[in-house]
Amino acid sequence: MSRLFGSVRSRATLGATLVVAVALVAAGAAVLLSLRANLTGEAGTRAERSAQAVASELAARIPLDKLSGLDAEDVPVQIVDEDGVLLAASEDLERISGTGTAEVTPAPTRSGADDDRDREDDDRDDDSGRSGDDESLEPGEIAQGASYTNGTATIDGDTEDYRFAAVEVETPDRGRLTVHAGSPLAAEHSAVGTALTAMLIGFPLLLGVVAGVTWLVTGRALRPVEGIRREMAAITASEDLRRRVPEPATHDEIARLARTTNATLAALEASVERQRSFVADASHELRSPIASLRTQLEVAAAHPELLDLEGAVEDTVRLQNLAGDLLLLARLDAGERPVGTRVDLAALAREEAAGREGVTVEAEPVEVSGSRGQLGRVLANLLDNAERHARERITVTVRREGGEAVVGVADDGEGVAEADRERIFERFVRLDAARSRDDGGAGLGLAIARDVAVRHGGTLTAGAAPAGGALFELRLPLAGADRGAPRA
């Protein structure tokens, strides 16, 4: 069963079919009940009219054997007195139920003296006070409304279901009489049966159409999804991140899924290419100091008196710094978030500028939240970069600007061309003026500084300093402000 309904297409078809089936059953039941109630009401109305007609004749003192309503072929009629004694019935009526009086043969006609005594007794009863539960009627008056019951009647050997109406009439000579008249329910049964048969035949066909249409429409709608799945499987198998999934020419959710998938693939391709380039550049940067250190050690092994100890130490320190930079970049790429401690940027700037020649600090107390070690690394990298390019003077400013802390590092060197102000933040990038490996470093300082700034919810940009050199501005949210997600 789980495999049968394991696809979205089959589950959507099953769900739509079940919903339509429940709706059809509910609607069909409501229609059948309404149809039955209407037809039963019409039968009751016909039965009431027949009972009213017989009651009118009784009110007009027409003898029981002269009543025209007793001659109707399909209308069973009973006339009973207050005691429930049957006085008259349709001549072809053989059996009846549902009227409260199962008799079909009238009681023997009593003499006139008996009738006179009965009327005198009734008069005495009226004088002594009748119960008053029944509706008070004047002689010759017919009660308003009727009571209804369902039952059966057999006329000329045919038994059918009937709707009976009971109407009371106050006769001048026989007192209170009740007329029971019936109307056949054959039309109601036939109509309800026909409607039920049509539903039993039509509903399965309609459900089949709904299931088929849903299956086709769902399959057509999910066809691009299958295309995306196949292409993703092919990309996974080939490891070719340059490929893209097909984008349907629509504006629905599937088209947005395809566009998002392609954007993800593009980002993944860029990330992989970046990692490959990073590994290649790191290998290239590591190769030179390692080769230099090996050469010095080999020379020292053959000629100890020629050992360049200072050069070997410098190469070792360079390797150590490069390994530290690579490790920090790896942690930043892994999404390491800074520890949320308060850091006074003014104090941190003075601490990093201490011992450096030509560095002036103009700072006001400003606190941010983050890693003191990583923010110190940013300032140190910016100052190292400024020292390599400045002629005489470096200025560090710390100020508050709106909800941000702004740290500026300016030098009086040649500055950075506008076209290179973004490129210098790429890893292992050194401009021509700083191409020397000894003076320019490995090209990771500014890249590390920007990555740390982004992890702290801030930015790091390059511009022109008032003195004509380069100006690097670090902007961070103040302590207590909502940093939100790291900026890309």
Protein backbone atom coordinates (compact mmCIF):
# COMPACT_ATOMS: atom_id res chain seq x y z
CA MET A 1 0.00 0.00 0.00
CA SER A 2 2.84 2.39 0.87
CA ARG A 3 4.45 1.73 -2.52
CA LEU A 4 1.12 2.12 -4.31
CA PHE A 5 0.57 5.59 -2.84
CA GLY A 6 4.22 6.49 -2.51
CA SER A 7 4.13 9.22 -5.19
CA VAL A 8 2.67 12.69 -4.96
CA ARG A 9 0.66 11.99 -8.09
CA SER A 10 -1.12 8.96 -6.63
CA ARG A 11 -1.72 10.65 -3.27
CA ALA A 12 -3.14 13.75 -4.94
CA THR A 13 -5.44 11.59 -7.07
CA LEU A 14 -6.60 9.60 -4.06
CA GLY A 15 -7.16 12.74 -1.99
CA ALA A 16 -9.14 14.52 -4.71
CA THR A 17 -11.25 11.42 -5.36
CA LEU A 18 -12.04 10.95 -1.66
CA VAL A 19 -12.99 14.61 -1.24
CA VAL A 20 -15.29 14.51 -4.26
CA ALA A 21 -16.76 11.19 -3.08
CA VAL A 22 -17.60 12.61 0.34
CA ALA A 23 -19.10 15.71 -1.27
CA LEU A 24 -21.19 13.62 -3.68
CA VAL A 25 -22.46 11.34 -0.92
CA ALA A 26 -23.43 14.32 1.24
CA ALA A 27 -25.07 16.12 -1.66
CA GLY A 28 -26.84 12.95 -2.81
CA ALA A 29 -28.20 12.26 0.67
CA ALA A 30 -29.43 15.84 0.94
CA VAL A 31 -31.13 15.61 -2.47
CA LEU A 32 -32.79 12.29 -1.65
CA LEU A 33 -34.04 13.53 1.73
CA SER A 34 -35.32 16.75 0.21
CA LEU A 35 -37.02 14.90 -2.65
CA ARG A 36 -38.63 12.43 -0.27
CA ALA A 37 -39.81 15.20 2.05
CA ASN A 38 -41.33 17.20 -0.82
CA LEU A 39 -43.11 14.23 -2.37
CA THR A 40 -44.35 13.06 1.03
CA GLY A 41 -45.62 16.58 1.70
CA GLU A 42 -47.46 16.62 -1.63
CA ALA A 43 -49.04 13.24 -0.83
CA GLY A 44 -50.10 14.58 2.58
CA THR A 45 -51.66 17.62 0.92
CA ARG A 46 -53.65 15.41 -1.46
CA ALA A 47 -54.76 13.21 1.44
CA GLU A 48 -55.82 16.29 3.41
CA ARG A 49 -57.86 17.60 0.48
CA SER A 50 -59.63 14.25 0.22
CA ALA A 51 -60.32 14.21 3.97
CA GLN A 52 -61.55 17.82 3.85
CA ALA A 53 -63.93 16.93 1.00
CA VAL A 54 -65.46 14.05 2.98
CA ALA A 55 -65.62 16.21 6.11
CA SER A 56 -67.47 18.91 4.16
CA GLU A 57 -70.10 16.38 3.10
CA LEU A 58 -70.46 15.20 6.70
CA ALA A 59 -70.86 18.78 7.88
CA ALA A 60 -73.62 19.17 5.30
CA ARG A 61 -75.53 16.17 6.85
CA ILE A 62 -75.08 13.92 3.85
CA PRO A 63 -75.74 10.32 4.89
CA LEU A 64 -72.77 8.00 5.19
CA ASP A 65 -73.95 5.80 2.35
CA LYS A 66 -74.21 8.82 0.07
CA LEU A 67 -70.68 10.15 0.58
CA SER A 68 -68.89 10.55 -2.76
CA GLY A 69 -65.47 10.40 -1.15
CA LEU A 70 -65.94 6.72 -0.32
CA ASP A 71 -66.07 5.80 -4.01
CA ALA A 72 -62.55 6.91 -5.00
CA GLU A 73 -60.53 3.96 -6.27
CA ASP A 74 -57.04 4.91 -4.96
CA VAL A 75 -58.08 6.92 -1.88
CA PRO A 76 -58.77 4.78 1.19
CA VAL A 77 -61.16 6.58 3.57
CA GLN A 78 -62.24 5.82 7.13
CA ILE A 79 -64.76 7.67 9.26
CA VAL A 80 -64.64 7.04 13.01
CA ASP A 81 -66.45 8.61 15.95
CA GLU A 82 -65.01 9.94 19.16
CA ASP A 83 -64.79 6.46 20.64
CA GLY A 84 -62.75 5.21 17.67
CA VAL A 85 -65.64 3.14 16.32
CA LEU A 86 -65.55 2.79 12.54
CA LEU A 87 -68.69 4.31 11.00
CA ALA A 88 -67.80 4.11 7.29
CA ALA A 89 -64.96 3.10 4.99
CA SER A 90 -64.15 2.88 1.28
CA GLU A 91 -66.03 0.01 -0.25
CA ASP A 92 -62.96 -1.64 -1.81
CA LEU A 93 -60.79 -1.29 1.28
CA GLU A 94 -59.64 -4.71 2.50
CA ARG A 95 -56.87 -3.95 5.02
CA ILE A 96 -55.37 -0.80 6.52
CA SER A 97 -52.68 0.23 9.03
CA GLY A 98 -51.32 3.49 10.28
CA THR A 99 -54.63 5.26 11.01
CA GLY A 100 -55.13 3.93 14.50
CA THR A 101 -58.20 2.02 13.38
CA ALA A 102 -57.44 -1.24 11.65
CA GLU A 103 -61.12 -2.08 11.02
CA VAL A 104 -62.38 -1.89 7.44
CA THR A 105 -66.00 -2.97 8.07
CA PRO A 106 -68.30 -0.36 9.66
CA ALA A 107 -70.17 -1.15 12.85
CA PRO A 108 -73.93 -2.10 12.50
CA THR A 109 -76.21 0.89 12.10
CA ARG A 110 -78.06 1.66 15.31
CA SER A 111 -81.73 2.60 15.60
CA GLY A 112 -82.99 6.15 15.74
CA ALA A 113 -83.98 5.77 19.43
CA ASP A 114 -80.42 4.77 20.26
CA ASP A 115 -79.15 7.78 18.39
CA ASP A 116 -81.57 10.04 20.26
CA ARG A 117 -80.44 8.59 23.58
CA ASP A 118 -76.80 9.05 22.56
CA ARG A 119 -77.44 12.68 21.64
CA GLU A 120 -79.22 13.25 24.96
CA ASP A 121 -76.28 11.68 26.77
CA ASP A 122 -73.93 13.93 24.80
CA ASP A 123 -76.00 16.96 25.72
CA ARG A 124 -75.83 15.99 29.39
CA ASP A 125 -72.10 15.50 29.07
CA ASP A 126 -71.77 18.92 27.49
CA ASP A 127 -73.88 20.49 30.25
CA SER A 128 -71.79 18.81 32.94
CA GLY A 129 -68.58 20.04 31.23
CA ARG A 130 -66.40 18.33 28.61
CA SER A 131 -62.68 17.85 29.22
CA GLY A 132 -61.70 20.74 26.93
CA ASP A 133 -58.54 19.06 25.65
CA ASP A 134 -59.91 18.93 22.10
CA GLU A 135 -60.49 21.90 19.83
CA SER A 136 -63.95 23.41 20.38
CA LEU A 137 -66.00 23.23 17.16
CA GLU A 138 -69.48 24.39 16.33
CA PRO A 139 -71.89 21.93 14.65
CA GLY A 140 -71.07 21.80 10.95
CA GLU A 141 -67.55 23.21 11.51
CA ILE A 142 -64.37 21.49 10.25
CA ALA A 143 -61.15 21.62 12.26
CA GLN A 144 -58.30 23.62 10.79
CA GLY A 145 -55.28 21.58 9.88
CA ALA A 146 -54.76 17.86 9.96
CA SER A 147 -52.52 15.24 11.53
CA TYR A 148 -50.43 12.95 9.35
CA THR A 149 -49.28 9.35 9.58
CA ASN A 150 -47.78 6.78 7.25
CA GLY A 151 -49.23 3.34 6.77
CA THR A 152 -50.44 0.76 4.27
CA ALA A 153 -53.74 -0.09 2.70
CA THR A 154 -54.98 -2.98 0.58
CA ILE A 155 -57.54 -2.06 -2.10
CA ASP A 156 -58.80 -4.74 -4.48
CA GLY A 157 -55.93 -6.99 -3.50
CA ASP A 158 -53.19 -4.36 -4.11
CA THR A 159 -51.21 -3.29 -1.06
CA GLU A 160 -49.37 0.02 -1.18
CA ASP A 161 -47.87 2.58 1.16
CA TYR A 162 -50.01 5.62 1.89
CA ARG A 163 -49.77 8.99 3.52
CA PHE A 164 -52.83 9.45 5.75
CA ALA A 165 -54.39 12.74 6.84
CA ALA A 166 -56.86 12.91 9.72
CA VAL A 167 -59.37 15.79 9.75
CA GLU A 168 -61.97 16.34 12.51
CA VAL A 169 -65.48 17.63 11.87
CA GLU A 170 -68.32 18.49 14.27
CA THR A 171 -71.52 17.09 12.69
CA PRO A 172 -74.99 18.27 13.73
CA ASP A 173 -76.33 14.76 14.12
CA ARG A 174 -73.36 12.47 14.97
CA GLY A 175 -71.10 14.65 17.06
CA ARG A 176 -67.35 14.79 16.59
CA LEU A 177 -66.11 12.56 13.74
CA THR A 178 -62.63 11.99 12.37
CA VAL A 179 -62.04 11.40 8.67
CA HIS A 180 -58.91 9.45 7.68
CA ALA A 181 -57.99 9.73 3.98
CA GLY A 182 -54.91 8.39 2.30
CA SER A 183 -52.82 9.28 -0.73
CA PRO A 184 -50.50 6.69 -2.32
CA LEU A 185 -46.72 7.07 -1.90
CA ALA A 186 -45.91 5.06 -5.03
CA ALA A 187 -44.81 8.18 -6.89
CA GLU A 188 -42.56 9.17 -3.99
CA HIS A 189 -41.00 5.69 -3.84
CA SER A 190 -40.56 5.61 -7.59
CA ALA A 191 -38.95 9.06 -7.77
CA VAL A 192 -36.61 8.38 -4.84
CA GLY A 193 -35.70 4.96 -6.25
CA THR A 194 -35.01 6.44 -9.69
CA ALA A 195 -32.85 9.20 -8.20
CA LEU A 196 -30.98 6.68 -6.04
CA THR A 197 -30.35 4.41 -9.03
CA ALA A 198 -29.09 7.36 -11.08
CA MET A 199 -26.74 8.31 -8.25
CA LEU A 200 -25.45 4.78 -7.80
CA ILE A 201 -24.65 4.65 -11.51
CA GLY A 202 -23.53 8.24 -12.01
CA PHE A 203 -21.41 8.74 -8.91
CA PRO A 204 -18.87 5.98 -9.68
CA LEU A 205 -18.60 7.25 -13.25
CA LEU A 206 -18.09 10.80 -12.01
CA LEU A 207 -15.50 9.65 -9.48
CA GLY A 208 -13.71 7.78 -12.25
CA VAL A 209 -13.65 10.95 -14.36
CA VAL A 210 -12.38 12.98 -11.39
CA ALA A 211 -9.64 10.43 -10.66
CA GLY A 212 -8.60 10.29 -14.31
CA VAL A 213 -8.52 14.06 -14.78
CA THR A 214 -6.64 14.53 -11.50
CA TRP A 215 -4.12 11.86 -12.50
CA LEU A 216 -3.52 13.51 -15.88
CA VAL A 217 -3.39 17.07 -14.57
CA THR A 218 -1.12 16.14 -11.66
CA GLY A 219 1.16 14.19 -13.97
CA ARG A 220 1.38 17.14 -16.35
CA ALA A 221 2.04 19.54 -13.47
CA LEU A 222 4.75 17.31 -11.96
CA ARG A 223 6.45 16.53 -15.27
CA PRO A 224 8.91 19.44 -14.86
CA VAL A 225 9.70 18.17 -11.35
CA GLU A 226 10.68 14.81 -12.79
CA GLY A 227 12.85 16.64 -15.33
CA ILE A 228 14.54 18.54 -12.51
CA ARG A 229 15.07 15.29 -10.60
CA ARG A 230 16.62 13.52 -13.59
CA GLU A 231 18.96 16.43 -14.31
CA MET A 232 19.99 16.66 -10.65
CA ALA A 233 20.72 12.92 -10.68
CA ALA A 234 22.80 13.38 -13.83
CA ILE A 235 24.68 16.31 -12.28
CA THR A 236 25.39 14.24 -9.17
CA ALA A 237 26.65 11.33 -11.25
CA SER A 238 28.81 13.46 -13.56
CA GLU A 239 29.99 15.94 -10.86
CA ASP A 240 29.66 18.64 -13.53
CA LEU A 241 28.38 21.67 -11.64
CA ARG A 242 28.22 23.72 -14.84
CA ARG A 243 25.02 21.96 -15.85
CA ARG A 244 21.63 23.43 -14.93
CA VAL A 245 18.14 21.99 -14.51
CA PRO A 246 15.47 22.90 -17.09
CA GLU A 247 13.29 25.88 -16.17
CA PRO A 248 9.67 25.62 -17.34
CA ALA A 249 8.25 28.66 -19.14
CA THR A 250 5.69 29.29 -16.41
CA HIS A 251 5.41 31.46 -13.33
CA ASP A 252 4.29 28.84 -10.83
CA GLU A 253 5.94 27.19 -7.84
CA ILE A 254 7.75 24.62 -9.99
CA ALA A 255 9.35 27.34 -12.11
CA ARG A 256 10.48 29.09 -8.95
CA LEU A 257 11.85 25.77 -7.67
CA ALA A 258 13.85 25.32 -10.88
CA ARG A 259 15.23 28.86 -10.67
CA THR A 260 16.15 28.40 -7.02
CA THR A 261 17.81 25.06 -7.83
CA ASN A 262 19.87 26.67 -10.60
CA ALA A 263 20.83 29.51 -8.26
CA THR A 264 21.92 26.93 -5.70
CA LEU A 265 23.93 25.08 -8.32
CA ALA A 266 25.56 28.35 -9.40
CA ALA A 267 26.46 29.17 -5.80
CA LEU A 268 27.77 25.64 -5.29
CA GLU A 269 29.83 25.85 -8.47
CA ALA A 270 31.27 29.19 -7.38
CA SER A 271 32.05 27.79 -3.93
CA VAL A 272 33.76 24.72 -5.38
CA GLU A 273 35.75 26.84 -7.81
CA ARG A 274 36.68 29.13 -4.97
CA GLN A 275 37.85 26.21 -2.88
CA ARG A 276 39.85 24.80 -5.78
CA SER A 277 41.46 28.18 -6.41
CA PHE A 278 42.09 28.56 -2.68
CA VAL A 279 43.80 25.18 -2.48
CA ALA A 280 45.89 25.94 -5.56
CA ASP A 281 46.90 29.38 -4.29
CA ALA A 282 47.63 28.03 -0.81
CA SER A 283 49.81 25.30 -2.31
CA HIS A 284 51.64 27.89 -4.40
CA GLU A 285 52.20 30.18 -1.40
CA LEU A 286 53.40 27.33 0.77
CA ARG A 287 55.74 25.94 -1.85
CA SER A 288 58.08 28.97 -1.94
CA PRO A 289 58.93 29.23 1.80
CA ILE A 290 59.14 25.45 2.09
CA ALA A 291 61.51 25.25 -0.89
CA SER A 292 63.58 28.13 0.49
CA LEU A 293 63.75 26.55 3.94
CA ARG A 294 64.69 23.17 2.47
CA THR A 295 67.45 24.74 0.38
CA GLN A 296 68.89 26.48 3.42
CA LEU A 297 68.80 23.27 5.45
CA GLU A 298 70.47 21.27 2.66
CA VAL A 299 73.21 23.89 2.36
CA ALA A 300 73.65 23.92 6.11
CA ALA A 301 73.88 20.13 6.12
CA ALA A 302 76.68 20.22 3.55
CA HIS A 303 78.36 23.46 4.72
CA PRO A 304 77.39 24.32 8.30
CA GLU A 305 79.39 27.54 8.12
CA LEU A 306 77.01 28.82 5.38
CA LEU A 307 73.82 28.38 7.44
CA ASP A 308 71.56 31.46 7.14
CA LEU A 309 69.85 31.14 10.49
CA GLU A 310 67.94 34.40 10.24
CA GLY A 311 66.58 33.49 6.82
CA ALA A 312 65.51 30.07 8.08
CA VAL A 313 63.73 31.67 11.04
CA GLU A 314 61.98 34.17 8.74
CA ASP A 315 60.77 31.42 6.45
CA THR A 316 59.57 29.41 9.43
CA VAL A 317 57.67 32.41 10.84
CA ARG A 318 56.18 33.07 7.44
CA LEU A 319 55.02 29.47 7.23
CA GLN A 320 53.57 29.72 10.74
CA ASN A 321 51.68 32.93 9.91
CA LEU A 322 50.40 31.50 6.64
CA ALA A 323 49.19 28.34 8.38
CA GLY A 324 47.42 30.49 10.99
CA ASP A 325 45.74 32.57 8.27
CA LEU A 326 44.59 29.46 6.42
CA LEU A 327 43.22 27.95 9.63
CA LEU A 328 41.29 31.14 10.43
CA LEU A 329 39.84 31.29 6.92
CA ALA A 330 38.79 27.65 7.19
CA ARG A 331 36.97 28.40 10.46
CA LEU A 332 35.27 31.44 8.95
CA ASP A 333 34.20 29.45 5.88
CA ALA A 334 32.74 26.80 8.20
CA GLY A 335 30.40 29.45 9.62
CA GLU A 336 32.03 30.02 12.99
CA ARG A 337 30.12 32.75 14.83
CA PRO A 338 31.99 35.20 17.08
CA VAL A 339 31.52 35.03 20.83
CA GLY A 340 29.16 37.80 21.93
CA THR A 341 31.33 39.78 24.37
CA ARG A 342 31.56 43.57 24.62
CA VAL A 343 34.65 45.05 22.97
CA ASP A 344 35.79 48.69 23.30
CA LEU A 345 37.04 49.54 19.82
CA ALA A 346 38.83 52.68 21.02
CA ALA A 347 40.92 50.73 23.52
CA LEU A 348 41.50 47.97 21.00
CA ALA A 349 42.69 50.49 18.38
CA ARG A 350 45.17 52.07 20.82
CA GLU A 351 46.41 48.61 21.80
CA GLU A 352 47.06 47.55 18.19
CA ALA A 353 48.65 50.91 17.30
CA ALA A 354 51.03 50.80 20.25
CA GLY A 355 54.65 50.37 19.15
CA ARG A 356 53.97 51.30 15.50
CA GLU A 357 55.73 54.38 14.15
CA GLY A 358 53.73 57.17 12.55
CA VAL A 359 50.33 55.89 13.74
CA THR A 360 47.90 58.41 15.24
CA VAL A 361 44.73 57.29 17.01
CA GLU A 362 41.70 59.58 17.29
CA ALA A 363 39.03 57.55 19.09
CA GLU A 364 35.96 57.96 21.24
CA PRO A 365 34.72 55.09 23.45
CA VAL A 366 32.54 52.83 21.32
CA GLU A 367 31.50 49.30 22.28
CA VAL A 368 30.52 46.49 19.93
CA SER A 369 29.65 42.85 20.52
CA GLY A 370 31.94 40.18 19.14
CA SER A 371 35.27 38.41 19.43
CA ARG A 372 38.03 40.62 20.76
CA GLY A 373 40.71 38.40 19.20
CA GLN A 374 39.13 38.45 15.73
CA LEU A 375 38.45 42.20 15.80
CA GLY A 376 42.02 42.78 16.95
CA ARG A 377 43.14 40.69 13.97
CA VAL A 378 41.14 42.97 11.65
CA LEU A 379 42.80 46.12 13.02
CA ALA A 380 46.23 44.49 12.92
CA ASN A 381 45.80 43.46 9.28
CA LEU A 382 44.59 46.94 8.31
CA LEU A 383 47.54 48.57 10.08
CA ASP A 384 50.00 46.10 8.49
CA ASN A 385 48.60 46.93 5.08
CA ALA A 386 48.77 50.66 5.79
CA GLU A 387 52.40 50.41 6.98
CA ARG A 388 53.41 48.74 3.70
CA HIS A 389 51.97 51.60 1.63
CA ALA A 390 52.17 54.74 3.81
CA ARG A 391 54.85 57.37 3.26
CA GLU A 392 54.90 58.94 6.70
CA ARG A 393 51.60 59.00 8.48
CA ILE A 394 48.76 56.57 9.39
CA THR A 395 45.59 57.77 11.09
CA VAL A 396 43.15 55.52 12.97
CA THR A 397 39.74 57.00 13.87
CA VAL A 398 36.97 55.42 15.95
CA ARG A 399 33.57 57.12 16.09
CA ARG A 400 29.88 56.49 16.53
CA GLU A 401 27.64 57.04 13.51
CA GLY A 402 23.94 56.34 14.04
CA GLY A 403 23.59 52.76 15.23
CA GLU A 404 27.04 51.76 13.99
CA ALA A 405 30.61 51.98 15.15
CA VAL A 406 32.96 53.19 12.41
CA VAL A 407 36.69 52.47 12.45
CA GLY A 408 38.80 54.19 9.78
CA VAL A 409 42.41 53.39 8.88
CA ALA A 410 43.92 55.99 6.49
CA ASP A 411 47.40 56.34 5.10
CA ASP A 412 49.18 58.95 2.96
CA GLY A 413 50.42 56.52 0.33
CA GLU A 414 49.46 56.18 -3.31
CA GLY A 415 45.95 54.88 -2.52
CA VAL A 416 43.94 52.15 -4.26
CA ALA A 417 42.57 52.58 -7.76
CA GLU A 418 38.79 52.57 -7.86
CA ALA A 419 38.79 49.52 -10.13
CA ASP A 420 40.77 47.53 -7.53
CA ARG A 421 38.82 48.51 -4.40
CA GLU A 422 36.86 45.27 -4.39
CA ARG A 423 39.46 43.00 -5.93
CA ILE A 424 41.95 43.62 -3.10
CA PHE A 425 39.61 41.77 -0.71
CA GLU A 426 39.92 38.56 -2.72
CA ARG A 427 42.18 35.86 -1.35
CA PHE A 428 45.82 35.73 -2.48
CA VAL A 429 45.39 38.97 -4.45
CA ARG A 430 48.32 41.39 -4.40
CA LEU A 431 48.36 44.59 -6.41
CA ASP A 432 51.37 45.34 -8.59
CA ALA A 433 52.80 47.82 -6.11
CA ALA A 434 52.84 45.11 -3.44
CA ARG A 435 53.71 42.12 -5.54
CA SER A 436 56.86 41.28 -3.58
CA ARG A 437 56.30 38.24 -1.43
CA ASP A 438 58.60 39.65 1.19
CA ASP A 439 56.84 43.02 1.45
CA GLY A 440 53.32 42.19 0.31
CA GLY A 441 52.57 39.11 2.36
CA ALA A 442 50.45 36.24 1.09
CA GLY A 443 47.48 38.38 0.07
CA LEU A 444 45.21 37.05 2.84
CA GLY A 445 45.17 39.94 5.32
CA LEU A 446 42.40 42.02 3.75
CA ALA A 447 40.38 38.91 2.83
CA ILE A 448 40.50 37.76 6.45
CA ALA A 449 39.56 41.25 7.67
CA ARG A 450 36.44 41.42 5.47
CA ASP A 451 35.35 37.88 6.38
CA VAL A 452 35.61 38.71 10.09
CA ALA A 453 33.66 41.94 9.55
CA VAL A 454 30.89 40.07 7.76
CA ARG A 455 30.73 37.43 10.54
CA HIS A 456 30.24 40.29 13.01
CA GLY A 457 27.33 41.67 10.97
CA GLY A 458 29.36 44.54 9.57
CA THR A 459 31.17 45.69 6.43
CA LEU A 460 34.70 46.57 5.36
CA THR A 461 35.21 48.85 2.37
CA ALA A 462 38.13 50.63 0.69
CA GLY A 463 38.09 54.24 -0.45
CA ALA A 464 40.16 57.36 -0.79
CA ALA A 465 41.65 59.11 2.26
CA PRO A 466 41.57 62.90 2.63
CA ALA A 467 45.39 62.95 2.42
CA GLY A 468 45.24 61.15 -0.93
CA GLY A 469 46.09 57.64 0.25
CA ALA A 470 43.83 54.66 0.99
CA LEU A 471 41.03 54.67 3.55
CA PHE A 472 39.63 51.44 4.92
CA GLU A 473 36.36 51.76 6.87
CA LEU A 474 35.11 49.04 9.20
CA ARG A 475 31.44 49.42 10.21
CA LEU A 476 29.96 47.27 13.00
CA PRO A 477 26.62 47.42 14.84
CA LEU A 478 26.84 48.89 18.31
CA ALA A 479 26.66 46.57 21.31
CA GLY A 480 23.03 45.71 22.10
CA ALA A 481 21.84 46.35 18.54
CA ASP A 482 20.26 43.50 16.55
CA ARG A 483 22.98 42.30 14.20
CA GLY A 484 20.60 40.01 12.30
CA ALA A 485 22.03 37.59 9.81
CA PRO A 486 25.62 37.99 8.66
CA ARG A 487 25.91 40.13 5.57
CA ALA A 488 26.95 38.46 2.37
